[in-house]
Amino acid sequence: MAGVSQEEFIKTVRDAIGYRDDRLELPKDHSAARVVAESERLIERFCAMVTDAKMKLYRVADASGVSATLVQILKSLDAHKAVVNEDPFPQHDTVVLALRDADCQQLDLRDRDAPFQADVGITGVRMAIAETGSIVVTSGSGSRRLASLAPPEHIAIVEKDQIVPDLLDWAASLGPDMPANEVLITGPSKTADIEMNLVMGVHGPRNVHVILIG
């Protein structure tokens, strides 16, 4: 509106709609909105949803099985180059040793071209969600998201204690100090054209491999 200040414009809008300063208090009991109960068998639910989302699931009894499974995946993919998430996660050292056993070179993620040259990106996760089969990956000043985004294959390592029932639990875990980026990954990258022809790996990895410990 020409010749009208911002304050005058906002006052006009408030007067028109009736400005209310009172705020609705949200309910503290979220049980009615829950999809997955805390008492539900979370691991089985998570595994079913991971498979339903077209991710590849590998289960190992404990941490000692991660290395052999990782080597198996790398060899099946004929992977020669990999990048590993910079954020320390419990199996980080195991991953580095497995890369050597699989004769797969670890590229420096700080090299701008490395994620785009790698055959595989390997990461830990902050959390996993049973409701949707999602894995939560974060990035910030000391960590780049490209390990889970740029390579054509993404391998994520999840521990059973990281699985929460549903999205309410994920939302409740968010504190005031948010990372630069937090992404919920539910399946490989895919898109479809107007004729509904599905194409995998257009905007990210064409396959997501989940190694579940426990």
N, C-alpha and C. Protein backbone atom coordinates (compact mmCIF):
# COMPACT_ATOMS: atom_id res chain seq x y z
N MET A 1 0.85 -1.19 0.00
CA MET A 1 0.00 0.00 0.00
C MET A 1 0.88 1.23 0.00
N ALA A 2 0.79 2.00 -1.06
CA ALA A 2 1.64 3.18 -1.20
C ALA A 2 1.32 4.21 -0.14
N GLY A 3 2.36 4.82 0.44
CA GLY A 3 2.18 5.88 1.41
C GLY A 3 1.77 5.42 2.80
N VAL A 4 1.78 4.11 3.05
CA VAL A 4 1.40 3.56 4.36
C VAL A 4 2.62 2.90 4.99
N SER A 5 2.92 3.24 6.22
CA SER A 5 4.07 2.63 6.90
C SER A 5 3.77 1.20 7.30
N GLN A 6 4.85 0.46 7.63
CA GLN A 6 4.68 -0.93 8.04
C GLN A 6 3.81 -1.04 9.28
N GLU A 7 4.01 -0.13 10.26
CA GLU A 7 3.24 -0.19 11.49
C GLU A 7 1.75 0.05 11.22
N GLU A 8 1.46 1.00 10.35
CA GLU A 8 0.06 1.29 10.01
C GLU A 8 -0.59 0.11 9.30
N PHE A 9 0.19 -0.53 8.40
CA PHE A 9 -0.35 -1.67 7.66
C PHE A 9 -0.68 -2.82 8.60
N ILE A 10 0.26 -3.14 9.54
CA ILE A 10 0.04 -4.25 10.48
C ILE A 10 -1.15 -3.95 11.38
N LYS A 11 -1.29 -2.68 11.81
CA LYS A 11 -2.42 -2.31 12.66
C LYS A 11 -3.74 -2.49 11.91
N THR A 12 -3.74 -2.16 10.62
CA THR A 12 -4.95 -2.33 9.82
C THR A 12 -5.35 -3.80 9.75
N VAL A 13 -4.35 -4.67 9.56
CA VAL A 13 -4.63 -6.11 9.48
C VAL A 13 -5.14 -6.62 10.81
N ARG A 14 -4.51 -6.22 11.91
CA ARG A 14 -4.92 -6.67 13.23
C ARG A 14 -6.35 -6.23 13.56
N ASP A 15 -6.65 -5.00 13.22
CA ASP A 15 -7.99 -4.49 13.48
C ASP A 15 -9.03 -5.25 12.67
N ALA A 16 -8.63 -5.67 11.46
CA ALA A 16 -9.58 -6.36 10.58
C ALA A 16 -9.89 -7.78 11.06
N ILE A 17 -8.88 -8.47 11.56
CA ILE A 17 -9.09 -9.87 11.95
C ILE A 17 -9.35 -10.02 13.44
N GLY A 18 -9.14 -8.95 14.21
CA GLY A 18 -9.35 -9.04 15.64
C GLY A 18 -8.16 -9.68 16.32
N TYR A 19 -7.21 -8.91 16.74
CA TYR A 19 -5.95 -9.41 17.30
C TYR A 19 -6.18 -10.00 18.69
N ARG A 20 -5.70 -11.22 18.90
CA ARG A 20 -5.82 -11.88 20.20
C ARG A 20 -4.44 -12.16 20.76
N ASP A 21 -4.23 -11.77 21.99
CA ASP A 21 -2.92 -11.95 22.61
C ASP A 21 -2.87 -13.21 23.47
N ASP A 22 -4.06 -13.76 23.81
CA ASP A 22 -4.06 -14.97 24.64
C ASP A 22 -3.65 -16.18 23.82
N ARG A 23 -2.93 -17.08 24.43
CA ARG A 23 -2.40 -18.24 23.72
C ARG A 23 -3.04 -19.51 24.24
N LEU A 24 -3.30 -20.40 23.32
CA LEU A 24 -3.91 -21.67 23.68
C LEU A 24 -2.86 -22.58 24.32
N GLU A 25 -3.19 -23.12 25.48
CA GLU A 25 -2.26 -24.02 26.15
C GLU A 25 -2.41 -25.43 25.57
N LEU A 26 -1.30 -25.96 25.08
CA LEU A 26 -1.34 -27.27 24.44
C LEU A 26 -1.40 -28.38 25.49
N PRO A 27 -2.05 -29.48 25.18
CA PRO A 27 -2.14 -30.59 26.14
C PRO A 27 -0.78 -31.22 26.37
N LYS A 28 -0.54 -31.65 27.60
CA LYS A 28 0.73 -32.28 27.93
C LYS A 28 0.70 -33.79 27.72
N ASP A 29 -0.49 -34.34 27.67
CA ASP A 29 -0.64 -35.77 27.44
C ASP A 29 -0.76 -36.02 25.94
N HIS A 30 0.26 -36.64 25.35
CA HIS A 30 0.28 -36.88 23.91
C HIS A 30 -0.17 -38.29 23.54
N SER A 31 -0.71 -39.03 24.49
CA SER A 31 -1.03 -40.44 24.24
C SER A 31 -2.05 -40.60 23.12
N ALA A 32 -2.98 -39.65 23.01
CA ALA A 32 -4.01 -39.76 21.97
C ALA A 32 -3.42 -39.63 20.58
N ALA A 33 -2.29 -38.93 20.48
CA ALA A 33 -1.67 -38.71 19.17
C ALA A 33 -0.62 -39.77 18.84
N ARG A 34 -0.32 -40.65 19.78
CA ARG A 34 0.71 -41.66 19.55
C ARG A 34 0.27 -42.69 18.53
N VAL A 35 1.20 -43.04 17.66
CA VAL A 35 0.96 -44.11 16.69
C VAL A 35 1.55 -45.42 17.20
N VAL A 36 2.70 -45.33 17.82
CA VAL A 36 3.39 -46.51 18.35
C VAL A 36 3.53 -46.37 19.86
N ALA A 37 3.04 -47.34 20.59
CA ALA A 37 3.13 -47.31 22.05
C ALA A 37 4.54 -47.66 22.50
N GLU A 38 4.93 -47.10 23.65
CA GLU A 38 6.27 -47.39 24.17
C GLU A 38 6.42 -48.86 24.52
N SER A 39 5.29 -49.53 24.78
CA SER A 39 5.34 -50.95 25.15
C SER A 39 5.40 -51.88 23.94
N GLU A 40 5.24 -51.31 22.75
CA GLU A 40 5.25 -52.14 21.53
C GLU A 40 6.65 -52.67 21.26
N ARG A 41 6.73 -53.74 20.53
CA ARG A 41 8.03 -54.33 20.18
C ARG A 41 8.69 -53.46 19.12
N LEU A 42 9.52 -52.53 19.60
CA LEU A 42 10.03 -51.47 18.75
C LEU A 42 10.97 -51.98 17.67
N ILE A 43 11.84 -52.93 18.03
CA ILE A 43 12.83 -53.41 17.06
C ILE A 43 12.12 -54.07 15.88
N GLU A 44 11.12 -54.92 16.17
CA GLU A 44 10.40 -55.60 15.10
C GLU A 44 9.64 -54.59 14.23
N ARG A 45 9.04 -53.59 14.86
CA ARG A 45 8.32 -52.56 14.11
C ARG A 45 9.29 -51.76 13.23
N PHE A 46 10.42 -51.38 13.79
CA PHE A 46 11.41 -50.63 13.02
C PHE A 46 11.89 -51.44 11.82
N CYS A 47 12.21 -52.70 12.04
CA CYS A 47 12.70 -53.55 10.94
C CYS A 47 11.65 -53.68 9.83
N ALA A 48 10.39 -53.85 10.23
CA ALA A 48 9.33 -53.99 9.23
C ALA A 48 9.19 -52.72 8.41
N MET A 49 9.28 -51.56 9.05
CA MET A 49 9.12 -50.30 8.35
C MET A 49 10.33 -49.98 7.48
N VAL A 50 11.52 -50.36 7.93
CA VAL A 50 12.73 -50.18 7.11
C VAL A 50 12.60 -50.95 5.80
N THR A 51 12.17 -52.19 5.92
CA THR A 51 11.99 -53.03 4.73
C THR A 51 10.89 -52.48 3.83
N ASP A 52 9.80 -52.00 4.45
CA ASP A 52 8.69 -51.45 3.68
C ASP A 52 9.11 -50.18 2.93
N ALA A 53 10.08 -49.45 3.49
CA ALA A 53 10.56 -48.22 2.85
C ALA A 53 11.63 -48.50 1.78
N LYS A 54 11.84 -49.77 1.47
CA LYS A 54 12.78 -50.18 0.41
C LYS A 54 14.24 -49.95 0.79
N MET A 55 14.53 -49.93 2.09
CA MET A 55 15.92 -49.92 2.53
C MET A 55 16.36 -51.36 2.76
N LYS A 56 17.66 -51.57 2.70
CA LYS A 56 18.21 -52.91 2.86
C LYS A 56 18.66 -53.09 4.31
N LEU A 57 18.10 -54.10 4.98
CA LEU A 57 18.33 -54.29 6.41
C LEU A 57 19.28 -55.47 6.67
N TYR A 58 20.23 -55.23 7.57
CA TYR A 58 21.18 -56.27 7.99
C TYR A 58 21.18 -56.27 9.52
N ARG A 59 20.91 -57.40 10.12
CA ARG A 59 20.88 -57.46 11.59
C ARG A 59 22.08 -58.25 12.10
N VAL A 60 22.73 -57.70 13.11
CA VAL A 60 23.84 -58.39 13.76
C VAL A 60 23.56 -58.45 15.25
N ALA A 61 24.01 -59.50 15.88
CA ALA A 61 23.69 -59.72 17.30
C ALA A 61 24.34 -58.68 18.19
N ASP A 62 25.59 -58.33 17.88
CA ASP A 62 26.29 -57.33 18.69
C ASP A 62 27.32 -56.62 17.82
N ALA A 63 28.09 -55.73 18.45
CA ALA A 63 29.03 -54.89 17.70
C ALA A 63 30.08 -55.69 16.96
N SER A 64 30.38 -56.90 17.45
CA SER A 64 31.42 -57.71 16.80
C SER A 64 31.02 -58.14 15.39
N GLY A 65 29.74 -58.11 15.09
CA GLY A 65 29.30 -58.54 13.76
C GLY A 65 29.27 -57.43 12.72
N VAL A 66 29.55 -56.21 13.14
CA VAL A 66 29.46 -55.07 12.22
C VAL A 66 30.52 -55.16 11.13
N SER A 67 31.74 -55.47 11.50
CA SER A 67 32.85 -55.47 10.54
C SER A 67 32.61 -56.45 9.40
N ALA A 68 32.25 -57.69 9.74
CA ALA A 68 32.04 -58.71 8.69
C ALA A 68 30.88 -58.32 7.78
N THR A 69 29.83 -57.79 8.36
CA THR A 69 28.67 -57.37 7.56
C THR A 69 29.03 -56.22 6.64
N LEU A 70 29.80 -55.28 7.17
CA LEU A 70 30.22 -54.13 6.37
C LEU A 70 31.10 -54.57 5.20
N VAL A 71 32.04 -55.47 5.46
CA VAL A 71 32.90 -55.98 4.39
C VAL A 71 32.06 -56.68 3.33
N GLN A 72 31.08 -57.46 3.78
CA GLN A 72 30.19 -58.17 2.85
C GLN A 72 29.45 -57.18 1.94
N ILE A 73 28.92 -56.12 2.52
CA ILE A 73 28.19 -55.12 1.73
C ILE A 73 29.11 -54.43 0.74
N LEU A 74 30.28 -54.01 1.20
CA LEU A 74 31.22 -53.30 0.34
C LEU A 74 31.65 -54.16 -0.85
N LYS A 75 31.91 -55.43 -0.59
CA LYS A 75 32.33 -56.32 -1.69
C LYS A 75 31.17 -56.59 -2.65
N SER A 76 29.96 -56.71 -2.12
CA SER A 76 28.81 -56.94 -3.00
C SER A 76 28.55 -55.74 -3.91
N LEU A 77 28.92 -54.55 -3.42
CA LEU A 77 28.74 -53.33 -4.22
C LEU A 77 29.94 -53.04 -5.11
N ASP A 78 31.00 -53.84 -4.94
CA ASP A 78 32.26 -53.59 -5.65
C ASP A 78 32.73 -52.16 -5.39
N ALA A 79 32.65 -51.77 -4.12
CA ALA A 79 33.01 -50.41 -3.72
C ALA A 79 34.51 -50.28 -3.54
N HIS A 80 35.10 -49.26 -4.14
CA HIS A 80 36.54 -49.03 -4.06
C HIS A 80 36.90 -47.76 -3.28
N LYS A 81 35.92 -46.86 -3.14
CA LYS A 81 36.17 -45.60 -2.43
C LYS A 81 34.98 -45.31 -1.51
N ALA A 82 35.28 -44.80 -0.32
CA ALA A 82 34.22 -44.51 0.65
C ALA A 82 34.55 -43.25 1.43
N VAL A 83 33.51 -42.59 1.92
CA VAL A 83 33.66 -41.50 2.88
C VAL A 83 32.92 -41.89 4.14
N VAL A 84 33.47 -41.48 5.28
CA VAL A 84 32.89 -41.83 6.58
C VAL A 84 32.53 -40.55 7.31
N ASN A 85 31.36 -40.54 7.92
CA ASN A 85 30.91 -39.37 8.67
C ASN A 85 31.95 -38.93 9.68
N GLU A 86 32.16 -37.61 9.77
CA GLU A 86 33.19 -37.08 10.66
C GLU A 86 32.80 -37.16 12.13
N ASP A 87 31.49 -37.03 12.42
CA ASP A 87 31.06 -37.10 13.82
C ASP A 87 31.42 -38.46 14.39
N PRO A 88 32.05 -38.50 15.56
CA PRO A 88 32.39 -39.79 16.15
C PRO A 88 31.13 -40.58 16.51
N PHE A 89 31.08 -41.83 16.12
CA PHE A 89 29.99 -42.70 16.52
C PHE A 89 30.61 -44.02 17.00
N PRO A 90 29.90 -44.81 17.79
CA PRO A 90 30.51 -45.96 18.48
C PRO A 90 31.30 -46.90 17.58
N GLN A 91 30.86 -47.09 16.34
CA GLN A 91 31.51 -48.08 15.47
C GLN A 91 32.49 -47.45 14.49
N HIS A 92 32.89 -46.21 14.73
CA HIS A 92 33.74 -45.50 13.78
C HIS A 92 35.04 -46.25 13.49
N ASP A 93 35.74 -46.69 14.54
CA ASP A 93 37.02 -47.40 14.35
C ASP A 93 36.81 -48.73 13.65
N THR A 94 35.71 -49.40 13.95
CA THR A 94 35.38 -50.66 13.29
C THR A 94 35.18 -50.45 11.80
N VAL A 95 34.53 -49.34 11.44
CA VAL A 95 34.28 -49.02 10.04
C VAL A 95 35.60 -48.81 9.30
N VAL A 96 36.51 -48.08 9.90
CA VAL A 96 37.80 -47.80 9.26
C VAL A 96 38.56 -49.10 9.00
N LEU A 97 38.56 -50.01 9.97
CA LEU A 97 39.25 -51.30 9.80
C LEU A 97 38.56 -52.14 8.73
N ALA A 98 37.24 -52.10 8.69
CA ALA A 98 36.51 -52.88 7.69
C ALA A 98 36.80 -52.39 6.28
N LEU A 99 36.98 -51.09 6.13
CA LEU A 99 37.33 -50.56 4.81
C LEU A 99 38.66 -51.13 4.33
N ARG A 100 39.60 -51.26 5.24
CA ARG A 100 40.90 -51.84 4.87
C ARG A 100 40.74 -53.31 4.48
N ASP A 101 39.94 -54.04 5.25
CA ASP A 101 39.73 -55.46 4.95
C ASP A 101 39.03 -55.65 3.61
N ALA A 102 38.20 -54.70 3.23
CA ALA A 102 37.48 -54.79 1.96
C ALA A 102 38.25 -54.15 0.81
N ASP A 103 39.49 -53.70 1.11
CA ASP A 103 40.32 -53.04 0.10
C ASP A 103 39.59 -51.85 -0.50
N CYS A 104 38.95 -51.08 0.39
CA CYS A 104 38.18 -49.90 -0.03
C CYS A 104 38.86 -48.66 0.55
N GLN A 105 39.23 -47.74 -0.29
CA GLN A 105 39.96 -46.54 0.14
C GLN A 105 39.04 -45.55 0.84
N GLN A 106 39.48 -45.06 2.00
CA GLN A 106 38.73 -44.03 2.69
C GLN A 106 39.20 -42.66 2.23
N LEU A 107 38.28 -41.91 1.63
CA LEU A 107 38.60 -40.56 1.16
C LEU A 107 38.38 -39.55 2.28
N ASP A 108 39.05 -38.43 2.17
CA ASP A 108 38.93 -37.37 3.17
C ASP A 108 37.66 -36.57 2.89
N LEU A 109 36.71 -36.63 3.82
CA LEU A 109 35.44 -35.96 3.62
C LEU A 109 35.59 -34.45 3.53
N ARG A 110 36.71 -33.92 4.04
CA ARG A 110 36.94 -32.47 3.96
C ARG A 110 37.33 -32.03 2.55
N ASP A 111 37.72 -33.00 1.72
CA ASP A 111 37.98 -32.69 0.32
C ASP A 111 36.64 -32.48 -0.37
N ARG A 112 36.43 -31.36 -0.98
CA ARG A 112 35.12 -31.00 -1.55
C ARG A 112 34.66 -31.99 -2.61
N ASP A 113 35.60 -32.62 -3.31
CA ASP A 113 35.22 -33.54 -4.38
C ASP A 113 35.03 -34.97 -3.89
N ALA A 114 35.53 -35.29 -2.69
CA ALA A 114 35.53 -36.67 -2.21
C ALA A 114 34.14 -37.31 -2.16
N PRO A 115 33.12 -36.64 -1.59
CA PRO A 115 31.81 -37.29 -1.52
C PRO A 115 31.24 -37.66 -2.88
N PHE A 116 31.64 -36.92 -3.92
CA PHE A 116 31.11 -37.17 -5.25
C PHE A 116 31.95 -38.21 -6.01
N GLN A 117 33.11 -38.53 -5.46
CA GLN A 117 33.95 -39.57 -6.05
C GLN A 117 33.75 -40.92 -5.35
N ALA A 118 33.15 -40.89 -4.17
CA ALA A 118 33.01 -42.11 -3.37
C ALA A 118 31.89 -43.01 -3.91
N ASP A 119 32.10 -44.30 -3.75
CA ASP A 119 31.07 -45.27 -4.10
C ASP A 119 30.07 -45.44 -2.97
N VAL A 120 30.54 -45.19 -1.74
CA VAL A 120 29.73 -45.45 -0.55
C VAL A 120 29.96 -44.33 0.48
N GLY A 121 28.91 -43.96 1.19
CA GLY A 121 29.02 -43.08 2.35
C GLY A 121 28.56 -43.85 3.58
N ILE A 122 29.32 -43.77 4.66
CA ILE A 122 29.01 -44.53 5.88
C ILE A 122 28.83 -43.56 7.04
N THR A 123 27.72 -43.72 7.76
CA THR A 123 27.43 -42.82 8.87
C THR A 123 26.86 -43.59 10.06
N GLY A 124 26.94 -42.94 11.23
CA GLY A 124 26.12 -43.35 12.35
C GLY A 124 24.81 -42.60 12.24
N VAL A 125 23.95 -42.70 13.25
CA VAL A 125 22.70 -41.95 13.28
C VAL A 125 22.51 -41.36 14.67
N ARG A 126 21.72 -40.30 14.74
CA ARG A 126 21.40 -39.75 16.05
C ARG A 126 20.27 -40.52 16.70
N MET A 127 19.39 -41.04 15.89
CA MET A 127 18.18 -41.69 16.39
C MET A 127 17.55 -42.50 15.26
N ALA A 128 16.69 -43.44 15.62
CA ALA A 128 15.91 -44.18 14.64
C ALA A 128 14.46 -44.22 15.13
N ILE A 129 13.50 -44.20 14.21
CA ILE A 129 12.09 -44.05 14.58
C ILE A 129 11.31 -45.27 14.11
N ALA A 130 10.73 -46.00 15.06
CA ALA A 130 10.01 -47.23 14.75
C ALA A 130 8.77 -46.97 13.91
N GLU A 131 8.07 -45.88 14.17
CA GLU A 131 6.81 -45.57 13.47
C GLU A 131 6.98 -45.57 11.96
N THR A 132 8.05 -44.95 11.49
CA THR A 132 8.23 -44.75 10.05
C THR A 132 9.43 -45.50 9.47
N GLY A 133 10.25 -46.11 10.34
CA GLY A 133 11.47 -46.74 9.86
C GLY A 133 12.52 -45.73 9.47
N SER A 134 12.42 -44.52 9.98
CA SER A 134 13.34 -43.45 9.61
C SER A 134 14.63 -43.50 10.43
N ILE A 135 15.72 -43.04 9.81
CA ILE A 135 16.97 -42.82 10.53
C ILE A 135 17.24 -41.33 10.52
N VAL A 136 17.77 -40.81 11.63
CA VAL A 136 17.97 -39.38 11.78
C VAL A 136 19.46 -39.08 11.69
N VAL A 137 19.83 -38.24 10.73
CA VAL A 137 21.22 -37.86 10.49
C VAL A 137 21.34 -36.35 10.65
N THR A 138 22.35 -35.92 11.38
CA THR A 138 22.55 -34.48 11.60
C THR A 138 23.85 -34.01 10.96
N SER A 139 23.95 -32.71 10.79
CA SER A 139 25.19 -32.11 10.31
C SER A 139 25.32 -30.73 10.92
N GLY A 140 26.54 -30.22 10.94
CA GLY A 140 26.79 -28.91 11.52
C GLY A 140 28.15 -28.42 11.13
N SER A 141 28.69 -27.51 11.93
CA SER A 141 29.97 -26.89 11.60
C SER A 141 31.10 -27.91 11.52
N GLY A 142 31.04 -28.96 12.34
CA GLY A 142 32.12 -29.94 12.34
C GLY A 142 31.80 -31.20 11.58
N SER A 143 30.67 -31.24 10.93
CA SER A 143 30.25 -32.46 10.23
C SER A 143 29.47 -32.09 8.99
N ARG A 144 29.75 -32.80 7.89
CA ARG A 144 29.07 -32.53 6.63
C ARG A 144 28.04 -33.61 6.35
N ARG A 145 26.92 -33.20 5.79
CA ARG A 145 25.87 -34.15 5.48
C ARG A 145 26.17 -34.97 4.22
N LEU A 146 27.18 -34.55 3.46
CA LEU A 146 27.41 -35.16 2.16
C LEU A 146 27.70 -36.66 2.22
N ALA A 147 28.18 -37.17 3.36
CA ALA A 147 28.44 -38.61 3.46
C ALA A 147 27.17 -39.42 3.27
N SER A 148 26.03 -38.85 3.65
CA SER A 148 24.75 -39.55 3.50
C SER A 148 23.96 -39.09 2.29
N LEU A 149 24.50 -38.12 1.56
CA LEU A 149 23.74 -37.53 0.45
C LEU A 149 24.36 -37.74 -0.92
N ALA A 150 25.68 -37.54 -1.03
CA ALA A 150 26.31 -37.52 -2.35
C ALA A 150 26.62 -38.91 -2.94
N PRO A 151 27.19 -39.87 -2.17
CA PRO A 151 27.53 -41.17 -2.77
C PRO A 151 26.27 -41.93 -3.20
N PRO A 152 26.38 -42.80 -4.17
CA PRO A 152 25.20 -43.54 -4.64
C PRO A 152 24.69 -44.59 -3.65
N GLU A 153 25.53 -44.97 -2.69
CA GLU A 153 25.13 -45.96 -1.68
C GLU A 153 25.40 -45.36 -0.29
N HIS A 154 24.41 -45.47 0.60
CA HIS A 154 24.56 -44.97 1.98
C HIS A 154 24.40 -46.15 2.94
N ILE A 155 25.39 -46.32 3.82
CA ILE A 155 25.33 -47.35 4.85
C ILE A 155 25.21 -46.65 6.20
N ALA A 156 24.15 -46.93 6.93
CA ALA A 156 23.91 -46.33 8.25
C ALA A 156 23.98 -47.42 9.32
N ILE A 157 24.66 -47.10 10.41
CA ILE A 157 24.79 -48.06 11.51
C ILE A 157 23.92 -47.60 12.67
N VAL A 158 23.00 -48.46 13.07
CA VAL A 158 22.01 -48.14 14.10
C VAL A 158 22.15 -49.12 15.25
N GLU A 159 22.12 -48.61 16.48
CA GLU A 159 22.09 -49.48 17.65
C GLU A 159 20.67 -49.55 18.17
N LYS A 160 20.27 -50.70 18.70
CA LYS A 160 18.87 -50.90 19.07
C LYS A 160 18.40 -49.87 20.11
N ASP A 161 19.30 -49.42 20.98
CA ASP A 161 18.93 -48.45 22.00
C ASP A 161 18.63 -47.06 21.41
N GLN A 162 18.96 -46.86 20.14
CA GLN A 162 18.69 -45.58 19.49
C GLN A 162 17.28 -45.51 18.91
N ILE A 163 16.55 -46.63 18.95
CA ILE A 163 15.21 -46.67 18.37
C ILE A 163 14.18 -46.11 19.36
N VAL A 164 13.40 -45.13 18.92
CA VAL A 164 12.32 -44.58 19.73
C VAL A 164 10.99 -44.93 19.06
N PRO A 165 9.87 -44.90 19.83
CA PRO A 165 8.59 -45.35 19.27
C PRO A 165 8.12 -44.57 18.04
N ASP A 166 7.94 -43.24 18.18
CA ASP A 166 7.38 -42.52 17.04
C ASP A 166 7.89 -41.08 16.95
N LEU A 167 7.30 -40.34 16.04
CA LEU A 167 7.78 -38.99 15.75
C LEU A 167 7.62 -38.04 16.94
N LEU A 168 6.69 -38.32 17.83
CA LEU A 168 6.56 -37.50 19.03
C LEU A 168 7.82 -37.57 19.88
N ASP A 169 8.42 -38.75 19.95
CA ASP A 169 9.64 -38.91 20.74
C ASP A 169 10.80 -38.18 20.08
N TRP A 170 10.84 -38.22 18.75
CA TRP A 170 11.89 -37.46 18.04
C TRP A 170 11.73 -35.97 18.30
N ALA A 171 10.49 -35.47 18.20
CA ALA A 171 10.24 -34.04 18.41
C ALA A 171 10.60 -33.63 19.84
N ALA A 172 10.31 -34.51 20.81
CA ALA A 172 10.60 -34.20 22.20
C ALA A 172 12.10 -34.15 22.47
N SER A 173 12.88 -34.80 21.61
CA SER A 173 14.33 -34.85 21.81
C SER A 173 15.04 -33.60 21.31
N LEU A 174 14.32 -32.75 20.58
CA LEU A 174 14.93 -31.56 20.00
C LEU A 174 15.09 -30.49 21.07
N GLY A 175 16.31 -30.08 21.30
CA GLY A 175 16.58 -29.05 22.29
C GLY A 175 16.69 -27.68 21.65
N PRO A 176 17.03 -26.67 22.44
CA PRO A 176 17.16 -25.31 21.90
C PRO A 176 18.36 -25.14 20.97
N ASP A 177 19.40 -25.95 21.18
CA ASP A 177 20.61 -25.84 20.35
C ASP A 177 20.52 -26.82 19.19
N MET A 178 19.79 -26.43 18.18
CA MET A 178 19.58 -27.31 17.03
C MET A 178 20.83 -27.34 16.15
N PRO A 179 21.10 -28.49 15.52
CA PRO A 179 22.21 -28.54 14.57
C PRO A 179 21.87 -27.74 13.32
N ALA A 180 22.86 -27.52 12.48
CA ALA A 180 22.61 -26.78 11.24
C ALA A 180 21.62 -27.52 10.35
N ASN A 181 21.63 -28.84 10.46
CA ASN A 181 20.79 -29.64 9.57
C ASN A 181 20.43 -30.94 10.27
N GLU A 182 19.18 -31.30 10.27
CA GLU A 182 18.76 -32.60 10.81
C GLU A 182 17.77 -33.21 9.84
N VAL A 183 18.08 -34.40 9.35
CA VAL A 183 17.30 -35.00 8.28
C VAL A 183 16.77 -36.36 8.72
N LEU A 184 15.50 -36.61 8.43
CA LEU A 184 14.90 -37.92 8.63
C LEU A 184 14.92 -38.65 7.30
N ILE A 185 15.67 -39.72 7.22
CA ILE A 185 15.81 -40.49 5.98
C ILE A 185 14.89 -41.70 6.06
N THR A 186 13.95 -41.78 5.13
CA THR A 186 13.00 -42.90 5.10
C THR A 186 13.02 -43.50 3.71
N GLY A 187 14.02 -44.29 3.43
CA GLY A 187 14.14 -44.92 2.13
C GLY A 187 15.12 -44.21 1.22
N PRO A 188 15.47 -44.83 0.12
CA PRO A 188 16.41 -44.23 -0.84
C PRO A 188 15.78 -43.05 -1.57
N SER A 189 16.62 -42.24 -2.19
CA SER A 189 16.12 -41.11 -2.98
C SER A 189 15.35 -41.62 -4.19
N LYS A 190 14.21 -41.01 -4.43
CA LYS A 190 13.39 -41.44 -5.58
C LYS A 190 12.49 -40.31 -6.04
N THR A 191 12.12 -40.36 -7.30
CA THR A 191 11.18 -39.40 -7.85
C THR A 191 10.43 -40.07 -8.99
N ALA A 192 9.31 -39.49 -9.38
CA ALA A 192 8.52 -40.05 -10.47
C ALA A 192 8.07 -38.93 -11.39
N ASP A 193 7.94 -39.26 -12.68
CA ASP A 193 7.47 -38.25 -13.63
C ASP A 193 5.94 -38.30 -13.71
N ILE A 194 5.39 -37.54 -14.64
CA ILE A 194 3.93 -37.42 -14.74
C ILE A 194 3.27 -38.76 -15.08
N GLU A 195 4.04 -39.66 -15.69
CA GLU A 195 3.51 -40.97 -16.04
C GLU A 195 3.77 -42.00 -14.94
N MET A 196 4.25 -41.50 -13.78
CA MET A 196 4.49 -42.33 -12.60
C MET A 196 5.59 -43.36 -12.82
N ASN A 197 6.55 -43.04 -13.66
CA ASN A 197 7.73 -43.89 -13.81
C ASN A 197 8.71 -43.54 -12.69
N LEU A 198 8.95 -44.49 -11.80
CA LEU A 198 9.78 -44.24 -10.62
C LEU A 198 11.25 -44.38 -10.97
N VAL A 199 12.03 -43.38 -10.58
CA VAL A 199 13.48 -43.38 -10.81
C VAL A 199 14.17 -43.26 -9.46
N MET A 200 15.12 -44.15 -9.19
CA MET A 200 15.81 -44.15 -7.91
C MET A 200 17.13 -43.38 -8.01
N GLY A 201 17.51 -42.74 -6.90
CA GLY A 201 18.83 -42.12 -6.80
C GLY A 201 18.99 -40.81 -7.54
N VAL A 202 17.92 -40.08 -7.75
CA VAL A 202 18.02 -38.82 -8.49
C VAL A 202 18.57 -37.71 -7.61
N HIS A 203 18.08 -37.61 -6.39
CA HIS A 203 18.47 -36.51 -5.50
C HIS A 203 19.34 -36.98 -4.34
N GLY A 204 19.82 -38.20 -4.40
CA GLY A 204 20.63 -38.75 -3.31
C GLY A 204 20.90 -40.21 -3.58
N PRO A 205 21.29 -40.98 -2.55
CA PRO A 205 21.63 -42.40 -2.74
C PRO A 205 20.48 -43.21 -3.33
N ARG A 206 20.81 -44.12 -4.22
CA ARG A 206 19.78 -44.99 -4.79
C ARG A 206 19.50 -46.18 -3.89
N ASN A 207 20.41 -46.43 -2.92
CA ASN A 207 20.19 -47.50 -1.95
C ASN A 207 20.63 -47.03 -0.57
N VAL A 208 19.85 -47.38 0.44
CA VAL A 208 20.22 -47.13 1.83
C VAL A 208 20.30 -48.47 2.54
N HIS A 209 21.47 -48.75 3.13
CA HIS A 209 21.70 -50.01 3.83
C HIS A 209 21.72 -49.70 5.33
N VAL A 210 20.93 -50.40 6.10
CA VAL A 210 20.86 -50.19 7.54
C VAL A 210 21.40 -51.41 8.27
N ILE A 211 22.49 -51.22 9.00
CA ILE A 211 23.03 -52.29 9.85
C ILE A 211 22.52 -52.05 11.25
N LEU A 212 21.67 -52.96 11.74
CA LEU A 212 21.08 -52.83 13.06
C LEU A 212 21.79 -53.75 14.04
N ILE A 213 22.34 -53.15 15.10
CA ILE A 213 23.07 -53.90 16.13
C ILE A 213 22.12 -54.24 17.27
N GLY A 214 21.98 -55.52 17.54
CA GLY A 214 21.15 -55.94 18.66
C GLY A 214 19.90 -56.66 18.20
